[in-house]
Amino acid sequence: MDHEGDRGDRAEMRDAVLDLVCRGERSPNQAADPNSFRLGRAAVAGDLIVAVAEWTATNGARYGGLFELRHGQDGHWRALGGASYGAIGEPRSGRPWAKSGGFANEHGGSFAGWVREPRARRAHVSGPSGRMFDEPVDDGVLLLCWAGAFDPNSMVVEFVDSAGQSVGTVRGA
């Protein structure tokens, strides 16, 4: 997986996500003030990107989100959707995710999550087919992006600290 800066026009990607967030169709109370919007770290696989964004809503509340973009045949980036949060609650069922989401089909996909374990610095991710990822956990966020088949619901994620010691394992997205 490539990381931010390796592919695409960042301004166009920012505008595609900003358009989706400013519309606020799914969550009108989270509609962004365009002047506050910031597109952060991103991961790339083929024509798919997953990126972190932060903004202040028109009602003054702070939000963050994980967004997927695809590079179309017309040469432009399109926001496919995303997951956002307001106040981060407790993880469900003991999972390490404060919020997570993703997209997958036979062509590729992405998964992203805010990791609640403060010691986590890397994530070793494996799937039943033997496919492996070794990805950083930066600012509490894990980003995965891949081409080809991979089922995030069947993955095993081991979080490790800066010394490489396991600090938690979870099965499934």
Protein backbone atom coordinates (compact mmCIF):
# COMPACT_ATOMS: atom_id res chain seq x y z
CA MET A 1 0.00 0.00 0.00
CA ASP A 2 1.23 3.46 -0.84
CA HIS A 3 0.78 6.43 1.43
CA GLU A 4 -0.12 10.07 1.11
CA GLY A 5 1.64 12.04 -1.56
CA ASP A 6 2.20 9.05 -3.82
CA ARG A 7 -0.82 9.56 -6.08
CA GLY A 8 -3.27 12.14 -7.26
CA ASP A 9 -4.13 15.77 -6.98
CA ARG A 10 -4.64 16.54 -3.28
CA ALA A 11 -6.65 19.68 -3.96
CA GLU A 12 -9.09 17.73 -6.14
CA MET A 13 -9.38 14.97 -3.50
CA ARG A 14 -10.01 17.57 -0.79
CA ASP A 15 -12.71 19.21 -2.90
CA ALA A 16 -14.45 15.87 -3.57
CA VAL A 17 -14.65 15.03 0.15
CA LEU A 18 -15.52 18.61 1.09
CA ASP A 19 -18.42 18.55 -1.38
CA LEU A 20 -19.76 15.39 0.27
CA VAL A 21 -19.34 16.80 3.81
CA CYS A 22 -20.70 20.27 3.03
CA ARG A 23 -23.89 18.82 1.58
CA GLY A 24 -24.57 17.04 4.88
CA GLU A 25 -27.17 14.82 3.19
CA ARG A 26 -26.69 11.84 5.51
CA SER A 27 -26.13 13.89 8.66
CA PRO A 28 -27.31 17.49 8.23
CA ASN A 29 -26.03 18.45 11.71
CA GLN A 30 -22.49 17.50 10.59
CA ALA A 31 -22.44 19.72 7.46
CA ALA A 32 -19.01 21.35 7.30
CA ASP A 33 -17.99 24.96 7.39
CA PRO A 34 -15.76 24.88 4.26
CA ASN A 35 -13.18 27.20 5.87
CA SER A 36 -12.54 24.70 8.67
CA PHE A 37 -12.12 21.57 6.52
CA ARG A 38 -8.75 19.74 6.58
CA LEU A 39 -7.91 16.56 4.65
CA GLY A 40 -5.27 14.60 6.56
CA ARG A 41 -3.29 11.39 6.07
CA ALA A 42 -4.27 9.05 3.24
CA ALA A 43 -3.51 5.52 2.02
CA VAL A 44 -3.65 4.48 -1.64
CA ALA A 45 -4.12 1.19 -3.53
CA GLY A 46 -4.61 1.42 -7.29
CA ASP A 47 -7.44 3.85 -7.98
CA LEU A 48 -8.76 3.84 -4.39
CA ILE A 49 -7.83 6.15 -1.51
CA VAL A 50 -8.95 6.24 2.10
CA ALA A 51 -8.26 9.52 3.93
CA VAL A 52 -8.85 11.15 7.31
CA ALA A 53 -10.62 14.53 7.46
CA GLU A 54 -11.49 17.00 10.22
CA TRP A 55 -13.92 19.93 10.21
CA THR A 56 -16.14 22.20 12.26
CA ALA A 57 -19.83 21.82 11.47
CA THR A 58 -22.00 24.80 10.72
CA ASN A 59 -23.46 24.36 14.24
CA GLY A 60 -19.95 24.79 15.77
CA ALA A 61 -19.35 21.12 16.75
CA ARG A 62 -16.00 19.47 15.80
CA TYR A 63 -16.09 16.32 13.67
CA GLY A 64 -13.70 13.92 12.01
CA GLY A 65 -14.21 11.30 9.37
CA LEU A 66 -12.76 8.54 7.25
CA PHE A 67 -13.53 8.91 3.55
CA GLU A 68 -13.05 6.77 0.46
CA LEU A 69 -12.28 8.22 -2.94
CA ARG A 70 -11.93 6.51 -6.31
CA HIS A 71 -10.05 7.81 -9.34
CA GLY A 72 -12.54 7.62 -12.20
CA GLN A 73 -11.92 6.85 -15.86
CA ASP A 74 -12.55 10.53 -16.55
CA GLY A 75 -9.41 11.33 -14.53
CA HIS A 76 -11.22 12.92 -11.58
CA TRP A 77 -11.48 11.84 -7.94
CA ARG A 78 -14.96 11.03 -6.57
CA ALA A 79 -15.85 10.65 -2.89
CA LEU A 80 -17.61 7.30 -2.43
CA GLY A 81 -18.67 7.91 1.16
CA GLY A 82 -17.31 7.67 4.63
CA ALA A 83 -17.82 7.35 8.36
CA SER A 84 -17.78 10.30 10.71
CA TYR A 85 -17.90 10.78 14.46
CA GLY A 86 -18.87 13.42 16.98
CA ALA A 87 -18.12 12.36 20.53
CA ILE A 88 -16.27 9.04 20.50
CA GLY A 89 -18.03 6.50 22.67
CA GLU A 90 -16.89 3.23 24.20
CA PRO A 91 -15.90 0.50 21.74
CA ARG A 92 -18.54 -2.18 21.20
CA SER A 93 -17.91 -5.73 22.40
CA GLY A 94 -14.43 -4.94 23.67
CA ARG A 95 -13.19 -4.02 20.20
CA PRO A 96 -10.32 -1.53 19.99
CA TRP A 97 -12.16 0.65 17.48
CA ALA A 98 -13.77 3.88 18.63
CA LYS A 99 -15.22 4.10 15.11
CA SER A 100 -14.44 2.08 12.01
CA GLY A 101 -15.73 1.45 8.55
CA GLY A 102 -14.80 0.23 5.16
CA PHE A 103 -15.72 -0.94 1.71
CA ALA A 104 -14.76 -4.11 -0.13
CA ASN A 105 -15.55 -6.03 -3.30
CA GLU A 106 -13.59 -8.28 -5.65
CA HIS A 107 -11.75 -5.26 -7.11
CA GLY A 108 -10.41 -3.82 -3.85
CA GLY A 109 -11.40 -1.93 -0.79
CA SER A 110 -10.47 -0.04 2.28
CA PHE A 111 -10.82 -0.16 6.03
CA ALA A 112 -10.09 2.56 8.53
CA GLY A 113 -10.52 2.89 12.25
CA TRP A 114 -9.68 5.07 15.20
CA VAL A 115 -7.66 2.84 17.54
CA ARG A 116 -8.42 3.27 21.24
CA GLU A 117 -5.22 1.55 22.48
CA PRO A 118 -2.81 4.47 23.08
CA ARG A 119 0.31 2.25 22.96
CA ALA A 120 -0.47 0.91 19.45
CA ARG A 121 2.11 2.07 16.88
CA ARG A 122 1.70 -0.55 14.14
CA ALA A 123 -0.91 -3.07 13.08
CA HIS A 124 -0.10 -6.50 11.68
CA VAL A 125 -3.16 -7.50 9.64
CA SER A 126 -3.78 -10.92 8.10
CA GLY A 127 -6.64 -12.55 6.26
CA PRO A 128 -7.69 -16.18 5.77
CA SER A 129 -6.01 -16.26 2.33
CA GLY A 130 -2.66 -15.41 3.93
CA ARG A 131 -2.64 -11.83 2.68
CA MET A 132 -0.71 -9.60 5.09
CA PHE A 133 -0.45 -5.88 5.82
CA ASP A 134 1.95 -4.18 8.21
CA GLU A 135 0.68 -0.64 8.66
CA PRO A 136 1.37 2.29 10.97
CA VAL A 137 -1.11 3.56 13.55
CA ASP A 138 -0.60 7.32 13.26
CA ASP A 139 -2.43 9.76 15.52
CA GLY A 140 -4.62 6.85 16.64
CA VAL A 141 -5.78 5.99 13.10
CA LEU A 142 -5.26 2.77 11.12
CA LEU A 143 -5.76 3.05 7.35
CA LEU A 144 -5.84 0.02 5.03
CA CYS A 145 -6.38 0.20 1.28
CA TRP A 146 -5.95 -2.72 -1.15
CA ALA A 147 -6.46 -3.89 -4.70
CA GLY A 148 -7.98 -7.33 -5.27
CA ALA A 149 -10.04 -9.49 -2.93
CA PHE A 150 -9.71 -9.18 0.85
CA ASP A 151 -12.47 -9.49 3.44
CA PRO A 152 -12.00 -7.12 6.39
CA ASN A 153 -14.65 -9.05 8.35
CA SER A 154 -12.31 -12.07 8.38
CA MET A 155 -9.10 -10.21 9.19
CA VAL A 156 -7.01 -10.60 12.32
CA VAL A 157 -5.36 -7.41 13.59
CA GLU A 158 -2.51 -7.49 16.09
CA PHE A 159 -1.53 -4.09 17.49
CA VAL A 160 2.08 -3.66 18.60
CA ASP A 161 3.83 -0.93 20.57
CA SER A 162 7.03 0.89 19.64
CA ALA A 163 9.12 -2.05 20.94
CA GLY A 164 7.19 -4.53 18.77
CA GLN A 165 5.32 -6.06 21.74
CA SER A 166 1.67 -7.04 21.28
CA VAL A 167 -0.79 -4.68 22.98
CA GLY A 168 -3.99 -6.24 21.65
CA THR A 169 -5.53 -8.47 19.00
CA VAL A 170 -8.94 -8.36 17.39
CA ARG A 171 -10.70 -10.58 14.84
CA GLY A 172 -12.93 -8.99 12.23
CA ALA A 173 -13.69 -5.40 11.37
